[in-house]
Every structure is written in C-alpha cells, then in structure tokens.
Amino acid sequence: WGYTRDYPHARRATPIPKGQGPDATDGNHPQRTVVEGNFIHNVGVFQKQAACYFQAQTQGTTLRHNICFNGPRAGINFNDGMGGGHRVERNLVFAMVRETADHGPFNSWDRQPFQVLRDGRPTLIPATTVITRNLLLNEANPQEAVDNDDGSAYYETHHNFLPFSSGGLKSDFGGHDNTHHDNVYLNTDRCVYICAQLPGHVDRFYNNTCVLYARRPDYAKFGRPNHRALTNRRQPAATAAAARTEAAGPGALPVMHDNRVYTLDGEATEDQRPVSYWQARGHDVGTTVHPHPEEDELLAMGRRVLGM
C-alpha cells in the first residue's frame, strides 16, 4: 500500500490528510514488486472479503505462477489504477467469490487519477496492465472472470481460458481503453458488456472465442448513448446520462472483429440486433456464429490459448 500526497501548489480549505492525495511523483509506494510461485488457499476465515493478493497505490507489479483458491471474494484485487504497468500471467484461480456476488477471480477498481512519473515526466495516464495465460475459473458465484469495475482503464487481457462466468469484457462507470483479444470464454450470458464510449478511448474485443450456454443470446451489449449516436443521431437523448455523454461528443462503438461465437442453437444477437446488421455498417466484421462444439474441442481450445 503506497503513500501519496496533495499537489504541492494546492490551496484547500480542508487539507488532504498526510499520506493521501493524487500526487505520487515522489515514488513513496511499492514499485516493480514480484509475487511468484505461491500456493494460497482458504483466505477470508478471519478477515472478510479478503483476497489472495491485494494491492493499492502500486506500480509495475508482476504476479505469475501462483495458485489461489477457496476464498470469499476476488482472488486478485487491484484497488486502483495508479501508475498501472502490472503483469498478471500464468496464474490459476478457482473457487473464489464464495460469499458475495458482483466480482470475479480478478477484480479491479479505478476511482481517481494519480499523477506518477514515467520516463522522468509526470503523467495521469496509467501504463497498460497485461493479464495473460491465466486459467480463471468462476464456478462459485460467477460474474466476469476479469472484472474491470468502477472506471477501470488501460487493461489488455489476452490468451486466457475463462470458464464458468456470466460475462466477459466489462467496462462500467466510465471505464475505457480496455482490450480483450485471443481469449476463450465459457459463459452463461454474454461476452461483452460495456458502458458508453467516446472516440479515442474505446474498448476493443477481437479474435476471441465466446461459448455461450444459451439460445439466441445477446452476445454483446454496448452503452446506449453510443448505440443511438451511431444508428440515429437525430433521436433526442432519452436520459440525463445519455445527454451528458452526447454533450461530450459523438458516441463511439467499441472496436470488435473476428470473434467466434458458439451458442446452443447456433444463433446470437449483438446489442439486440442481428450480428449481420452491425457488420453491414462496418462493425464486428469477420465475427461468426456457430452451434456448440463438442466438449473435447472446448478443452482443446483452452489448452491452445494457454499454450499447453
């Protein structure tokens, strides 16, 4: 857990307490920590909502080759997005989220910007965090295997096997610049659920395998303001939230293409419209929809994406 401060030039009626604030340029926080080869289980017996690993106000962590199971909430929990530049790779997490919902084996929050130094210069933009080659099973109380919650941004999630969740790529409360590619999902509900996006800061979902245990599911859901802006810009905003988003600029669709969607009946929609509707407008080109593969092929998909 790192220590930060207020900006030196700030003048506030009520000062921010020592150890808190948006300025982390003094470097008084964990950086380049490596957590490797640990066997962690049955956490949360005395401390509720505990995780196998938790971090806050931290930069450049590497988590690799760890096994985590049997816990009340997330297995890996990032409290904020300060600095970013983390790498989560080749971990096994299962049997978590056993006492709550609204979480996954990996969870992140990002409620405020922090100013850090990168290459000797101050910046508020985190470096990209990479989540790759992990097996994250979400069998206990599934939401997303990678739950980028509360404005989380600048994540690249790729080449993971993510069984037994209800959702895949998630961005909410202003989340943006999150990318999922080359993952395999075995989900009950959908594979994309994101809030409204603005040009230049969209999410990306491409070259993924999305296996859904449902008939004609809505495999992807976008925030309504960008749906309206791209399909009927003359339609007035229906809600105050939509009006605020549109006032900031025209909405933007996420970047989506070349995904493979499998459902129980070989049919799927995308944001309540046929996939072909979006492809005719240049969105999600190359994505195909198929009936379920055999179980042996599902396991083979998981092995391939993990490099096994």
C-alpha atoms as a PDB file:
ATOM      1  CA  TRP A   1       0.000   0.000   0.000  1.00  0.00           C
ATOM      2  CA  GLY A   2       1.615   3.246  -1.109  1.00  0.00           C
ATOM      3  CA  TYR A   3       1.645   6.754   0.262  1.00  0.00           C
ATOM      4  CA  THR A   4       0.711   9.779  -1.821  1.00  0.00           C
ATOM      5  CA  ARG A   5       0.224  13.496  -1.157  1.00  0.00           C
ATOM      6  CA  ASP A   6      -1.667  16.527  -2.344  1.00  0.00           C
ATOM      7  CA  TYR A   7      -0.166  18.676  -5.085  1.00  0.00           C
ATOM      8  CA  PRO A   8       2.465  20.987  -3.542  1.00  0.00           C
ATOM      9  CA  HIS A   9       0.780  24.049  -5.024  1.00  0.00           C
ATOM     10  CA  ALA A  10      -2.724  23.105  -3.837  1.00  0.00           C
ATOM     11  CA  ARG A  11      -4.554  25.521  -1.569  1.00  0.00           C
ATOM     12  CA  ARG A  12      -7.544  23.894   0.120  1.00  0.00           C
ATOM     13  CA  ALA A  13      -9.820  24.981   2.957  1.00  0.00           C
ATOM     14  CA  THR A  14      -9.541  21.436   4.311  1.00  0.00           C
ATOM     15  CA  PRO A  15      -6.114  19.906   3.596  1.00  0.00           C
ATOM     16  CA  ILE A  16      -5.924  16.333   2.361  1.00  0.00           C
ATOM     17  CA  PRO A  17      -4.530  14.138   5.164  1.00  0.00           C
ATOM     18  CA  LYS A  18      -0.869  13.182   5.039  1.00  0.00           C
ATOM     19  CA  GLY A  19      -0.277  10.017   3.010  1.00  0.00           C
ATOM     20  CA  GLN A  20      -3.256  10.644   0.746  1.00  0.00           C
ATOM     21  CA  GLY A  21      -3.930  12.644  -2.396  1.00  0.00           C
ATOM     22  CA  PRO A  22      -3.430  12.477  -6.174  1.00  0.00           C
ATOM     23  CA  ASP A  23       0.334  13.152  -6.341  1.00  0.00           C
ATOM     24  CA  ALA A  24       2.546  10.034  -6.347  1.00  0.00           C
ATOM     25  CA  THR A  25       5.551  11.568  -8.087  1.00  0.00           C
ATOM     26  CA  ASP A  26       7.767  11.203  -5.001  1.00  0.00           C
ATOM     27  CA  GLY A  27       7.757   7.419  -5.558  1.00  0.00           C
ATOM     28  CA  ASN A  28       6.857   6.584  -1.953  1.00  0.00           C
ATOM     29  CA  HIS A  29       4.900   3.479  -2.922  1.00  0.00           C
ATOM     30  CA  PRO A  30       5.601  -0.146  -3.962  1.00  0.00           C
ATOM     31  CA  GLN A  31       7.108  -0.452  -7.441  1.00  0.00           C
ATOM     32  CA  ARG A  32       8.184  -3.457  -9.513  1.00  0.00           C
ATOM     33  CA  THR A  33       7.103  -5.996  -6.884  1.00  0.00           C
ATOM     34  CA  VAL A  34       7.239  -9.654  -7.987  1.00  0.00           C
ATOM     35  CA  VAL A  35       4.806 -12.178  -6.443  1.00  0.00           C
ATOM     36  CA  GLU A  36       5.686 -15.600  -7.835  1.00  0.00           C
ATOM     37  CA  GLY A  37       5.143 -19.294  -7.151  1.00  0.00           C
ATOM     38  CA  ASN A  38       2.779 -19.050  -4.178  1.00  0.00           C
ATOM     39  CA  PHE A  39       0.126 -21.556  -3.061  1.00  0.00           C
ATOM     40  CA  ILE A  40      -2.662 -19.598  -1.341  1.00  0.00           C
ATOM     41  CA  HIS A  41      -5.974 -21.019  -0.142  1.00  0.00           C
ATOM     42  CA  ASN A  42      -8.786 -20.722   2.397  1.00  0.00           C
ATOM     43  CA  VAL A  43      -8.399 -16.982   2.900  1.00  0.00           C
ATOM     44  CA  GLY A  44     -11.147 -14.893   4.481  1.00  0.00           C
ATOM     45  CA  VAL A  45     -11.696 -17.006   7.588  1.00  0.00           C
ATOM     46  CA  PHE A  46     -10.980 -14.122   9.976  1.00  0.00           C
ATOM     47  CA  GLN A  47     -10.919 -11.135   7.610  1.00  0.00           C
ATOM     48  CA  LYS A  48     -13.985 -10.972   5.397  1.00  0.00           C
ATOM     49  CA  GLN A  49     -13.752 -10.091   1.702  1.00  0.00           C
ATOM     50  CA  ALA A  50     -10.033 -10.861   1.812  1.00  0.00           C
ATOM     51  CA  ALA A  51      -8.149 -11.773  -1.372  1.00  0.00           C
ATOM     52  CA  CYS A  52      -5.182 -13.994  -2.086  1.00  0.00           C
ATOM     53  CA  TYR A  53      -3.455 -10.831  -3.283  1.00  0.00           C
ATOM     54  CA  PHE A  54      -4.484  -7.181  -2.785  1.00  0.00           C
ATOM     55  CA  GLN A  55      -2.704  -4.008  -3.825  1.00  0.00           C
ATOM     56  CA  ALA A  56      -3.357  -0.277  -3.638  1.00  0.00           C
ATOM     57  CA  GLN A  57      -1.360   2.713  -4.909  1.00  0.00           C
ATOM     58  CA  THR A  58       1.225   0.461  -6.510  1.00  0.00           C
ATOM     59  CA  GLN A  59       3.116   0.448  -9.825  1.00  0.00           C
ATOM     60  CA  GLY A  60       4.509  -2.268 -12.044  1.00  0.00           C
ATOM     61  CA  THR A  61       3.640  -5.424 -10.083  1.00  0.00           C
ATOM     62  CA  THR A  62       4.266  -8.869 -11.601  1.00  0.00           C
ATOM     63  CA  LEU A  63       2.041 -11.758 -10.459  1.00  0.00           C
ATOM     64  CA  ARG A  64       2.955 -15.085 -12.006  1.00  0.00           C
ATOM     65  CA  HIS A  65       2.804 -18.836 -11.409  1.00  0.00           C
ATOM     66  CA  ASN A  66       0.549 -18.526  -8.348  1.00  0.00           C
ATOM     67  CA  ILE A  67      -2.309 -20.824  -7.297  1.00  0.00           C
ATOM     68  CA  CYS A  68      -5.228 -19.274  -5.410  1.00  0.00           C
ATOM     69  CA  PHE A  69      -8.470 -20.935  -4.302  1.00  0.00           C
ATOM     70  CA  ASN A  70     -11.189 -21.066  -1.630  1.00  0.00           C
ATOM     71  CA  GLY A  71     -11.968 -17.511  -0.632  1.00  0.00           C
ATOM     72  CA  PRO A  72     -14.890 -15.157  -0.027  1.00  0.00           C
ATOM     73  CA  ARG A  73     -14.398 -12.684  -2.872  1.00  0.00           C
ATOM     74  CA  ALA A  74     -11.801 -11.890  -5.557  1.00  0.00           C
ATOM     75  CA  GLY A  75      -8.617 -13.915  -5.747  1.00  0.00           C
ATOM     76  CA  ILE A  76      -6.598 -10.961  -7.085  1.00  0.00           C
ATOM     77  CA  ASN A  77      -7.809  -7.445  -6.265  1.00  0.00           C
ATOM     78  CA  PHE A  78      -6.354  -4.173  -7.606  1.00  0.00           C
ATOM     79  CA  ASN A  79      -7.736  -1.271  -5.574  1.00  0.00           C
ATOM     80  CA  ASP A  80      -6.938   1.480  -8.096  1.00  0.00           C
ATOM     81  CA  GLY A  81      -5.223   2.264 -11.377  1.00  0.00           C
ATOM     82  CA  MET A  82      -2.306   4.324 -10.086  1.00  0.00           C
ATOM     83  CA  GLY A  83       0.610   4.049 -12.488  1.00  0.00           C
ATOM     84  CA  GLY A  84      -0.505   0.741 -13.983  1.00  0.00           C
ATOM     85  CA  GLY A  85       2.063  -1.339 -15.816  1.00  0.00           C
ATOM     86  CA  HIS A  86       1.237  -4.555 -13.969  1.00  0.00           C
ATOM     87  CA  ARG A  87       1.555  -8.052 -15.422  1.00  0.00           C
ATOM     88  CA  VAL A  88      -0.680 -10.952 -14.311  1.00  0.00           C
ATOM     89  CA  GLU A  89       0.419 -14.145 -16.049  1.00  0.00           C
ATOM     90  CA  ARG A  90       0.175 -17.921 -15.752  1.00  0.00           C
ATOM     91  CA  ASN A  91      -1.868 -17.992 -12.553  1.00  0.00           C
ATOM     92  CA  LEU A  92      -4.578 -20.475 -11.571  1.00  0.00           C
ATOM     93  CA  VAL A  93      -7.510 -19.032  -9.610  1.00  0.00           C
ATOM     94  CA  PHE A  94     -10.654 -21.003  -8.741  1.00  0.00           C
ATOM     95  CA  ALA A  95     -13.348 -21.455  -6.070  1.00  0.00           C
ATOM     96  CA  MET A  96     -13.391 -17.754  -5.189  1.00  0.00           C
ATOM     97  CA  VAL A  97     -16.334 -15.340  -4.756  1.00  0.00           C
ATOM     98  CA  ARG A  98     -17.981 -17.895  -2.453  1.00  0.00           C
ATOM     99  CA  GLU A  99     -19.610 -15.393  -0.079  1.00  0.00           C
ATOM    100  CA  THR A 100     -20.555 -12.426  -2.301  1.00  0.00           C
ATOM    101  CA  ALA A 101     -21.513 -11.577  -5.855  1.00  0.00           C
ATOM    102  CA  ASP A 102     -20.565  -8.680  -8.184  1.00  0.00           C
ATOM    103  CA  HIS A 103     -16.972  -9.881  -8.507  1.00  0.00           C
ATOM    104  CA  GLY A 104     -14.708 -12.357 -10.240  1.00  0.00           C
ATOM    105  CA  PRO A 105     -11.427 -14.223  -9.709  1.00  0.00           C
ATOM    106  CA  PHE A 106      -9.712 -10.965 -10.768  1.00  0.00           C
ATOM    107  CA  ASN A 107     -11.198  -7.602  -9.784  1.00  0.00           C
ATOM    108  CA  SER A 108     -10.043  -4.029 -10.289  1.00  0.00           C
ATOM    109  CA  TRP A 109     -11.312  -0.603  -9.307  1.00  0.00           C
ATOM    110  CA  ASP A 110     -10.190   2.806 -10.530  1.00  0.00           C
ATOM    111  CA  ARG A 111     -11.934   5.662  -8.791  1.00  0.00           C
ATOM    112  CA  GLN A 112      -9.498   8.545  -9.214  1.00  0.00           C
ATOM    113  CA  PRO A 113      -6.453   9.532 -11.277  1.00  0.00           C
ATOM    114  CA  PHE A 114      -2.980   9.637  -9.732  1.00  0.00           C
ATOM    115  CA  GLN A 115      -0.024  11.567 -11.071  1.00  0.00           C
ATOM    116  CA  VAL A 116       3.114   9.433 -11.374  1.00  0.00           C
ATOM    117  CA  LEU A 117       6.467   9.747 -13.090  1.00  0.00           C
ATOM    118  CA  ARG A 118       7.125   7.848 -16.311  1.00  0.00           C
ATOM    119  CA  ASP A 119      10.426   8.331 -18.095  1.00  0.00           C
ATOM    120  CA  GLY A 120      11.064  11.223 -15.739  1.00  0.00           C
ATOM    121  CA  ARG A 121       7.894  13.115 -16.672  1.00  0.00           C
ATOM    122  CA  PRO A 122       4.630  13.413 -14.723  1.00  0.00           C
ATOM    123  CA  THR A 123       1.538  11.753 -16.185  1.00  0.00           C
ATOM    124  CA  LEU A 124      -2.002  10.924 -15.111  1.00  0.00           C
ATOM    125  CA  ILE A 125      -2.355   8.102 -17.654  1.00  0.00           C
ATOM    126  CA  PRO A 126      -1.528   4.624 -16.319  1.00  0.00           C
ATOM    127  CA  ALA A 127       0.686   2.276 -18.278  1.00  0.00           C
ATOM    128  CA  THR A 128      -1.222  -0.680 -19.700  1.00  0.00           C
ATOM    129  CA  THR A 129      -1.728  -3.661 -17.383  1.00  0.00           C
ATOM    130  CA  VAL A 130      -1.467  -7.057 -19.094  1.00  0.00           C
ATOM    131  CA  ILE A 131      -3.432 -10.154 -17.986  1.00  0.00           C
ATOM    132  CA  THR A 132      -2.331 -13.202 -19.965  1.00  0.00           C
ATOM    133  CA  ARG A 133      -2.090 -17.041 -19.984  1.00  0.00           C
ATOM    134  CA  ASN A 134      -4.216 -17.428 -16.849  1.00  0.00           C
ATOM    135  CA  LEU A 135      -6.804 -20.085 -16.025  1.00  0.00           C
ATOM    136  CA  LEU A 136      -9.519 -18.255 -14.079  1.00  0.00           C
ATOM    137  CA  LEU A 137     -12.448 -20.480 -13.150  1.00  0.00           C
ATOM    138  CA  ASN A 138     -15.504 -18.657 -11.878  1.00  0.00           C
ATOM    139  CA  GLU A 139     -17.626 -21.561 -10.799  1.00  0.00           C
ATOM    140  CA  ALA A 140     -18.788 -20.421  -7.338  1.00  0.00           C
ATOM    141  CA  ASN A 141     -20.734 -17.174  -7.877  1.00  0.00           C
ATOM    142  CA  PRO A 142     -19.935 -16.066 -11.375  1.00  0.00           C
ATOM    143  CA  GLN A 143     -19.831 -12.618 -12.845  1.00  0.00           C
ATOM    144  CA  GLU A 144     -16.815 -11.779 -15.021  1.00  0.00           C
ATOM    145  CA  ALA A 145     -13.587 -13.747 -14.692  1.00  0.00           C
ATOM    146  CA  VAL A 146     -11.784 -10.422 -15.215  1.00  0.00           C
ATOM    147  CA  ASP A 147     -13.988  -7.845 -13.505  1.00  0.00           C
ATOM    148  CA  ASN A 148     -12.728  -4.394 -14.540  1.00  0.00           C
ATOM    149  CA  ASP A 149     -15.083  -2.426 -12.337  1.00  0.00           C
ATOM    150  CA  ASP A 150     -15.721   1.233 -11.428  1.00  0.00           C
ATOM    151  CA  GLY A 151     -13.957   3.047 -14.242  1.00  0.00           C
ATOM    152  CA  SER A 152     -11.036   0.642 -14.679  1.00  0.00           C
ATOM    153  CA  ALA A 153      -8.990   1.552 -17.743  1.00  0.00           C
ATOM    154  CA  TYR A 154      -5.889   0.611 -19.718  1.00  0.00           C
ATOM    155  CA  TYR A 155      -6.058  -3.185 -19.410  1.00  0.00           C
ATOM    156  CA  GLU A 156      -5.051  -5.677 -22.069  1.00  0.00           C
ATOM    157  CA  THR A 157      -6.446  -9.158 -21.387  1.00  0.00           C
ATOM    158  CA  HIS A 158      -5.356 -11.833 -23.845  1.00  0.00           C
ATOM    159  CA  HIS A 159      -4.731 -15.583 -24.233  1.00  0.00           C
ATOM    160  CA  ASN A 160      -6.651 -16.606 -21.108  1.00  0.00           C
ATOM    161  CA  PHE A 161      -9.031 -19.529 -20.526  1.00  0.00           C
ATOM    162  CA  LEU A 162     -12.049 -18.163 -18.631  1.00  0.00           C
ATOM    163  CA  PRO A 163     -14.709 -20.814 -17.872  1.00  0.00           C
ATOM    164  CA  PHE A 164     -17.991 -20.556 -15.960  1.00  0.00           C
ATOM    165  CA  SER A 165     -18.607 -16.794 -15.889  1.00  0.00           C
ATOM    166  CA  SER A 166     -21.687 -14.852 -16.888  1.00  0.00           C
ATOM    167  CA  GLY A 167     -19.799 -12.095 -18.718  1.00  0.00           C
ATOM    168  CA  GLY A 168     -16.519 -11.312 -20.481  1.00  0.00           C
ATOM    169  CA  LEU A 169     -15.208  -7.822 -21.281  1.00  0.00           C
ATOM    170  CA  LYS A 170     -16.681  -5.337 -18.814  1.00  0.00           C
ATOM    171  CA  SER A 171     -16.375  -1.555 -18.565  1.00  0.00           C
ATOM    172  CA  ASP A 172     -18.673   0.487 -16.353  1.00  0.00           C
ATOM    173  CA  PHE A 173     -18.879   3.898 -14.676  1.00  0.00           C
ATOM    174  CA  GLY A 174     -16.685   5.469 -17.333  1.00  0.00           C
ATOM    175  CA  GLY A 175     -14.316   2.552 -17.941  1.00  0.00           C
ATOM    176  CA  HIS A 176     -12.422   2.789 -21.230  1.00  0.00           C
ATOM    177  CA  ASP A 177      -9.352   1.658 -23.176  1.00  0.00           C
ATOM    178  CA  ASN A 178      -9.795  -1.966 -22.112  1.00  0.00           C
ATOM    179  CA  THR A 179      -8.911  -4.672 -24.632  1.00  0.00           C
ATOM    180  CA  HIS A 180      -9.775  -8.380 -24.728  1.00  0.00           C
ATOM    181  CA  HIS A 181      -8.319 -10.493 -27.522  1.00  0.00           C
ATOM    182  CA  ASP A 182      -7.469 -14.159 -28.119  1.00  0.00           C
ATOM    183  CA  ASN A 183      -9.330 -15.374 -25.015  1.00  0.00           C
ATOM    184  CA  VAL A 184     -11.649 -18.372 -24.635  1.00  0.00           C
ATOM    185  CA  TYR A 185     -14.832 -17.802 -22.589  1.00  0.00           C
ATOM    186  CA  LEU A 186     -17.375 -20.380 -21.470  1.00  0.00           C
ATOM    187  CA  ASN A 187     -20.206 -18.126 -20.286  1.00  0.00           C
ATOM    188  CA  THR A 188     -23.872 -18.262 -19.402  1.00  0.00           C
ATOM    189  CA  ASP A 189     -24.947 -14.787 -20.507  1.00  0.00           C
ATOM    190  CA  ARG A 190     -22.766 -12.698 -22.857  1.00  0.00           C
ATOM    191  CA  CYS A 191     -19.148 -11.858 -23.650  1.00  0.00           C
ATOM    192  CA  VAL A 192     -19.230  -8.048 -23.846  1.00  0.00           C
ATOM    193  CA  TYR A 193     -20.978  -5.584 -21.530  1.00  0.00           C
ATOM    194  CA  ILE A 194     -19.619  -2.045 -21.640  1.00  0.00           C
ATOM    195  CA  CYS A 195     -20.686   1.493 -20.864  1.00  0.00           C
ATOM    196  CA  ALA A 196     -20.852   4.346 -23.371  1.00  0.00           C
ATOM    197  CA  GLN A 197     -17.581   5.086 -25.147  1.00  0.00           C
ATOM    198  CA  LEU A 198     -16.041   8.262 -26.507  1.00  0.00           C
ATOM    199  CA  PRO A 199     -13.882   8.483 -29.651  1.00  0.00           C
ATOM    200  CA  GLY A 200     -10.231   7.835 -28.973  1.00  0.00           C
ATOM    201  CA  HIS A 201     -10.915   5.887 -25.772  1.00  0.00           C
ATOM    202  CA  VAL A 202     -12.924   2.879 -26.848  1.00  0.00           C
ATOM    203  CA  ASP A 203     -12.709  -0.717 -25.670  1.00  0.00           C
ATOM    204  CA  ARG A 204     -11.591  -3.498 -28.016  1.00  0.00           C
ATOM    205  CA  PHE A 205     -12.831  -7.077 -28.356  1.00  0.00           C
ATOM    206  CA  TYR A 206     -11.402  -9.163 -31.182  1.00  0.00           C
ATOM    207  CA  ASN A 207     -10.251 -12.661 -32.140  1.00  0.00           C
ATOM    208  CA  ASN A 208     -11.935 -14.167 -29.072  1.00  0.00           C
ATOM    209  CA  THR A 209     -13.825 -17.447 -28.737  1.00  0.00           C
ATOM    210  CA  CYS A 210     -17.120 -16.867 -26.942  1.00  0.00           C
ATOM    211  CA  VAL A 211     -19.024 -20.044 -25.975  1.00  0.00           C
ATOM    212  CA  LEU A 212     -22.440 -19.228 -24.507  1.00  0.00           C
ATOM    213  CA  TYR A 213     -24.744 -21.716 -22.807  1.00  0.00           C
ATOM    214  CA  ALA A 214     -27.918 -20.038 -24.026  1.00  0.00           C
ATOM    215  CA  ARG A 215     -30.253 -19.966 -27.011  1.00  0.00           C
ATOM    216  CA  ARG A 216     -30.078 -16.881 -29.228  1.00  0.00           C
ATOM    217  CA  PRO A 217     -28.245 -14.803 -26.592  1.00  0.00           C
ATOM    218  CA  ASP A 218     -27.306 -11.142 -26.935  1.00  0.00           C
ATOM    219  CA  TYR A 219     -23.587 -11.847 -27.041  1.00  0.00           C
ATOM    220  CA  ALA A 220     -22.509  -8.184 -26.772  1.00  0.00           C
ATOM    221  CA  LYS A 221     -24.117  -5.181 -25.112  1.00  0.00           C
ATOM    222  CA  PHE A 222     -22.969  -1.576 -25.611  1.00  0.00           C
ATOM    223  CA  GLY A 223     -23.829   1.564 -23.684  1.00  0.00           C
ATOM    224  CA  ARG A 224     -26.989   3.070 -25.162  1.00  0.00           C
ATOM    225  CA  PRO A 225     -25.636   6.578 -25.915  1.00  0.00           C
ATOM    226  CA  ASN A 226     -23.104   5.248 -28.433  1.00  0.00           C
ATOM    227  CA  HIS A 227     -25.752   2.929 -29.938  1.00  0.00           C
ATOM    228  CA  ARG A 228     -28.002   5.912 -30.579  1.00  0.00           C
ATOM    229  CA  ALA A 229     -25.218   8.157 -31.851  1.00  0.00           C
ATOM    230  CA  LEU A 230     -24.097   5.602 -34.431  1.00  0.00           C
ATOM    231  CA  THR A 231     -27.537   4.497 -35.607  1.00  0.00           C
ATOM    232  CA  ASN A 232     -29.799   7.544 -35.310  1.00  0.00           C
ATOM    233  CA  ARG A 233     -28.083  10.761 -34.325  1.00  0.00           C
ATOM    234  CA  ARG A 234     -31.278  12.783 -34.745  1.00  0.00           C
ATOM    235  CA  GLN A 235     -33.039  10.948 -31.942  1.00  0.00           C
ATOM    236  CA  PRO A 236     -33.061  13.092 -28.758  1.00  0.00           C
ATOM    237  CA  ALA A 237     -31.359  11.838 -25.621  1.00  0.00           C
ATOM    238  CA  ALA A 238     -33.714   9.786 -23.501  1.00  0.00           C
ATOM    239  CA  THR A 239     -31.898  10.176 -20.191  1.00  0.00           C
ATOM    240  CA  ALA A 240     -29.761  12.746 -18.414  1.00  0.00           C
ATOM    241  CA  ALA A 241     -26.788  10.382 -18.519  1.00  0.00           C
ATOM    242  CA  ALA A 242     -27.138   9.981 -22.274  1.00  0.00           C
ATOM    243  CA  ALA A 243     -27.406  13.737 -22.688  1.00  0.00           C
ATOM    244  CA  ARG A 244     -24.169  14.281 -20.751  1.00  0.00           C
ATOM    245  CA  THR A 245     -22.341  11.701 -22.842  1.00  0.00           C
ATOM    246  CA  GLU A 246     -23.550  13.167 -26.115  1.00  0.00           C
ATOM    247  CA  ALA A 247     -22.646  16.679 -24.966  1.00  0.00           C
ATOM    248  CA  ALA A 248     -19.042  15.475 -24.601  1.00  0.00           C
ATOM    249  CA  GLY A 249     -19.022  14.383 -28.233  1.00  0.00           C
ATOM    250  CA  PRO A 250     -20.473  11.778 -30.561  1.00  0.00           C
ATOM    251  CA  GLY A 251     -20.551   8.270 -29.193  1.00  0.00           C
ATOM    252  CA  ALA A 252     -18.261   5.577 -30.497  1.00  0.00           C
ATOM    253  CA  LEU A 253     -18.676   1.856 -30.858  1.00  0.00           C
ATOM    254  CA  PRO A 254     -16.063  -0.464 -29.378  1.00  0.00           C
ATOM    255  CA  VAL A 255     -13.603  -1.988 -31.820  1.00  0.00           C
ATOM    256  CA  MET A 256     -14.846  -5.534 -32.489  1.00  0.00           C
ATOM    257  CA  HIS A 257     -13.952  -8.030 -35.213  1.00  0.00           C
ATOM    258  CA  ASP A 258     -13.131 -11.672 -36.000  1.00  0.00           C
ATOM    259  CA  ASN A 259     -14.728 -13.263 -32.950  1.00  0.00           C
ATOM    260  CA  ARG A 260     -16.125 -16.809 -32.903  1.00  0.00           C
ATOM    261  CA  VAL A 261     -19.437 -17.129 -31.068  1.00  0.00           C
ATOM    262  CA  TYR A 262     -20.909 -20.528 -30.160  1.00  0.00           C
ATOM    263  CA  THR A 263     -24.433 -20.919 -28.762  1.00  0.00           C
ATOM    264  CA  LEU A 264     -26.808 -23.782 -28.029  1.00  0.00           C
ATOM    265  CA  ASP A 265     -28.830 -23.150 -31.205  1.00  0.00           C
ATOM    266  CA  GLY A 266     -26.169 -21.528 -33.393  1.00  0.00           C
ATOM    267  CA  GLU A 267     -27.866 -18.123 -33.237  1.00  0.00           C
ATOM    268  CA  ALA A 268     -26.956 -14.856 -31.462  1.00  0.00           C
ATOM    269  CA  THR A 269     -27.706 -11.153 -31.490  1.00  0.00           C
ATOM    270  CA  GLU A 270     -25.493  -8.150 -30.757  1.00  0.00           C
ATOM    271  CA  ASP A 271     -26.899  -5.261 -28.757  1.00  0.00           C
ATOM    272  CA  GLN A 272     -30.405  -6.551 -29.555  1.00  0.00           C
ATOM    273  CA  ARG A 273     -29.841  -6.592 -33.313  1.00  0.00           C
ATOM    274  CA  PRO A 274     -28.629  -9.318 -35.697  1.00  0.00           C
ATOM    275  CA  VAL A 275     -24.858  -9.546 -35.979  1.00  0.00           C
ATOM    276  CA  SER A 276     -25.317  -9.003 -39.710  1.00  0.00           C
ATOM    277  CA  TYR A 277     -26.909  -5.593 -39.004  1.00  0.00           C
ATOM    278  CA  TRP A 278     -23.689  -4.363 -37.413  1.00  0.00           C
ATOM    279  CA  GLN A 279     -21.432  -5.983 -39.978  1.00  0.00           C
ATOM    280  CA  ALA A 280     -23.306  -4.195 -42.769  1.00  0.00           C
ATOM    281  CA  ARG A 281     -22.263  -0.969 -41.037  1.00  0.00           C
ATOM    282  CA  GLY A 282     -18.617  -1.946 -40.780  1.00  0.00           C
ATOM    283  CA  HIS A 283     -18.695  -3.091 -37.153  1.00  0.00           C
ATOM    284  CA  ASP A 284     -17.654  -6.545 -35.884  1.00  0.00           C
ATOM    285  CA  VAL A 285     -16.661  -7.653 -39.361  1.00  0.00           C
ATOM    286  CA  GLY A 286     -15.397 -11.219 -39.533  1.00  0.00           C
ATOM    287  CA  THR A 287     -17.322 -12.429 -36.473  1.00  0.00           C
ATOM    288  CA  THR A 288     -19.154 -15.733 -36.991  1.00  0.00           C
ATOM    289  CA  VAL A 289     -21.835 -17.605 -35.014  1.00  0.00           C
ATOM    290  CA  HIS A 290     -21.944 -21.421 -34.721  1.00  0.00           C
ATOM    291  CA  PRO A 291     -23.623 -24.226 -32.756  1.00  0.00           C
ATOM    292  CA  HIS A 292     -21.771 -25.553 -29.724  1.00  0.00           C
ATOM    293  CA  PRO A 293     -18.602 -27.563 -30.322  1.00  0.00           C
ATOM    294  CA  GLU A 294     -18.027 -30.928 -28.656  1.00  0.00           C
ATOM    295  CA  GLU A 295     -16.586 -30.980 -25.130  1.00  0.00           C
ATOM    296  CA  ASP A 296     -13.244 -32.340 -26.322  1.00  0.00           C
ATOM    297  CA  GLU A 297     -12.912 -29.389 -28.674  1.00  0.00           C
ATOM    298  CA  LEU A 298     -13.751 -26.950 -25.848  1.00  0.00           C
ATOM    299  CA  LEU A 299     -10.914 -28.365 -23.770  1.00  0.00           C
ATOM    300  CA  ALA A 300      -8.597 -28.227 -26.774  1.00  0.00           C
ATOM    301  CA  MET A 301      -9.464 -24.548 -27.233  1.00  0.00           C
ATOM    302  CA  GLY A 302      -8.495 -23.864 -23.625  1.00  0.00           C
ATOM    303  CA  ARG A 303      -5.213 -25.739 -23.941  1.00  0.00           C
ATOM    304  CA  ARG A 304      -4.275 -23.907 -27.122  1.00  0.00           C
ATOM    305  CA  VAL A 305      -4.941 -20.455 -25.713  1.00  0.00           C
ATOM    306  CA  LEU A 306      -2.842 -21.259 -22.622  1.00  0.00           C
ATOM    307  CA  GLY A 307      -0.023 -22.613 -24.771  1.00  0.00           C
ATOM    308  CA  MET A 308      -0.292 -26.131 -23.338  1.00  0.00           C
END
